[in-house]
Amino acid sequence: MADTQKSTHPIKILLVEERKRVLPDIIPILQKFGYDVVGSAKDGDDAIALTKKLDIDLILMGIDIPGLLNGIEAARIIHFISKPFTPQDFTIKVRHILNGQNKK
């Protein structure tokens, strides 16, 4: 199914990864496919702080991250502080994520 996103700017991604040595492997893959990695966080608290400072379209975060908040708890908080989105933007992002998961 074709992506119907009208915007020409790349999707901006925040990576939440406690192992900094992994980032040099992940970032080039995302950039190769046209994504813009705008930041990285080492834990849920950092991710929450960065969502308040950066313009982010998508967060890639594991469940078992260090710190006071695990990935699920951080995602619940981020959801409430995320900026509004249109139904079309939301469905495009969900479709994109699901398409990526189906390629496992």
Protein backbone atom coordinates (compact mmCIF):
# COMPACT_ATOMS: atom_id res chain seq x y z
CA MET A 1 0.00 0.00 0.00
CA ALA A 2 1.44 3.39 -0.98
CA ASP A 3 2.25 5.97 1.66
CA THR A 4 -0.09 8.91 1.09
CA GLN A 5 1.77 11.36 3.30
CA LYS A 6 1.76 14.74 1.55
CA SER A 7 4.70 16.22 3.44
CA THR A 8 8.06 16.18 1.69
CA HIS A 9 10.17 16.43 4.85
CA PRO A 10 11.56 13.24 6.36
CA ILE A 11 9.96 11.62 9.38
CA LYS A 12 11.83 12.74 12.50
CA ILE A 13 12.73 9.91 14.87
CA LEU A 14 13.88 9.83 18.48
CA LEU A 15 15.77 6.67 19.46
CA VAL A 16 15.64 5.46 23.05
CA GLU A 17 18.56 3.10 23.51
CA GLU A 18 20.63 2.65 26.65
CA ARG A 19 23.51 1.03 24.76
CA LYS A 20 25.22 3.91 22.95
CA ARG A 21 27.39 1.46 21.01
CA VAL A 22 24.26 0.30 19.15
CA LEU A 23 23.37 3.75 17.81
CA PRO A 24 26.07 3.81 15.09
CA ASP A 25 24.46 0.68 13.66
CA ILE A 26 20.85 1.88 13.83
CA ILE A 27 21.17 5.50 12.72
CA PRO A 28 22.69 4.84 9.25
CA ILE A 29 19.97 2.27 8.48
CA LEU A 30 17.23 4.78 9.26
CA GLN A 31 19.02 7.55 7.34
CA LYS A 32 19.48 5.29 4.32
CA PHE A 33 15.70 5.02 4.07
CA GLY A 34 15.22 8.78 4.38
CA TYR A 35 14.44 9.12 8.08
CA ASP A 36 15.92 11.91 10.19
CA VAL A 37 17.19 10.78 13.59
CA VAL A 38 16.82 14.00 15.57
CA GLY A 39 18.04 12.67 18.90
CA SER A 40 18.67 9.78 21.21
CA ALA A 41 17.85 9.13 24.84
CA LYS A 42 19.31 6.60 27.26
CA ASP A 43 16.14 6.08 29.30
CA GLY A 44 12.48 7.00 29.65
CA ASP A 45 13.15 10.17 31.61
CA ASP A 46 15.48 11.47 28.89
CA ALA A 47 12.94 10.54 26.21
CA ILE A 48 10.19 12.51 27.97
CA ALA A 49 12.46 15.54 28.30
CA LEU A 50 13.46 15.40 24.63
CA THR A 51 9.85 15.19 23.43
CA LYS A 52 9.30 18.57 25.05
CA LYS A 53 12.30 20.09 23.22
CA LEU A 54 12.38 18.41 19.81
CA ASP A 55 9.93 18.14 16.92
CA ILE A 56 9.47 14.35 16.77
CA ASP A 57 7.20 12.26 14.56
CA LEU A 58 8.10 8.79 15.85
CA ILE A 59 9.85 7.31 18.90
CA LEU A 60 11.59 3.94 18.69
CA MET A 61 11.86 2.66 22.25
CA GLY A 62 12.22 -0.73 23.85
CA ILE A 63 10.22 -1.93 26.81
CA ASP A 64 13.12 -2.86 29.10
CA ILE A 65 14.98 0.42 29.32
CA PRO A 66 16.85 1.53 32.45
CA GLY A 67 15.73 4.24 34.81
CA LEU A 68 12.66 4.93 36.88
CA LEU A 69 10.28 4.38 33.94
CA ASN A 70 10.23 1.39 31.62
CA GLY A 71 9.32 1.85 27.96
CA ILE A 72 5.60 1.30 28.51
CA GLU A 73 5.41 3.80 31.37
CA ALA A 74 7.38 6.39 29.40
CA ALA A 75 5.15 5.87 26.35
CA ARG A 76 2.04 6.51 28.44
CA ILE A 77 3.45 9.83 29.64
CA ILE A 78 4.73 10.82 26.20
CA HIS A 79 1.30 10.09 24.73
CA PHE A 80 -0.25 12.72 26.94
CA ILE A 81 2.34 15.37 26.12
CA SER A 82 2.50 14.70 22.39
CA LYS A 83 1.26 17.39 20.09
CA PRO A 84 -2.07 17.00 18.27
CA PHE A 85 -2.16 15.04 15.02
CA THR A 86 -4.66 14.63 12.23
CA PRO A 87 -6.42 11.29 11.71
CA GLN A 88 -4.65 10.94 8.36
CA ASP A 89 -1.21 11.47 9.92
CA PHE A 90 -2.03 8.97 12.65
CA THR A 91 -3.19 6.24 10.28
CA ILE A 92 -0.18 6.72 8.00
CA LYS A 93 2.21 6.34 10.94
CA VAL A 94 0.41 3.27 12.28
CA ARG A 95 0.38 1.67 8.82
CA HIS A 96 4.09 2.38 8.41
CA ILE A 97 4.92 0.79 11.78
CA LEU A 98 2.79 -2.27 11.10
CA ASN A 99 4.27 -2.74 7.64
CA GLY A 100 7.75 -2.75 9.19
CA GLN A 101 6.72 -5.35 11.77
CA ASN A 102 5.24 -7.63 9.13
CA LYS A 103 8.67 -7.96 7.45
CA LYS A 104 10.15 -9.95 10.36
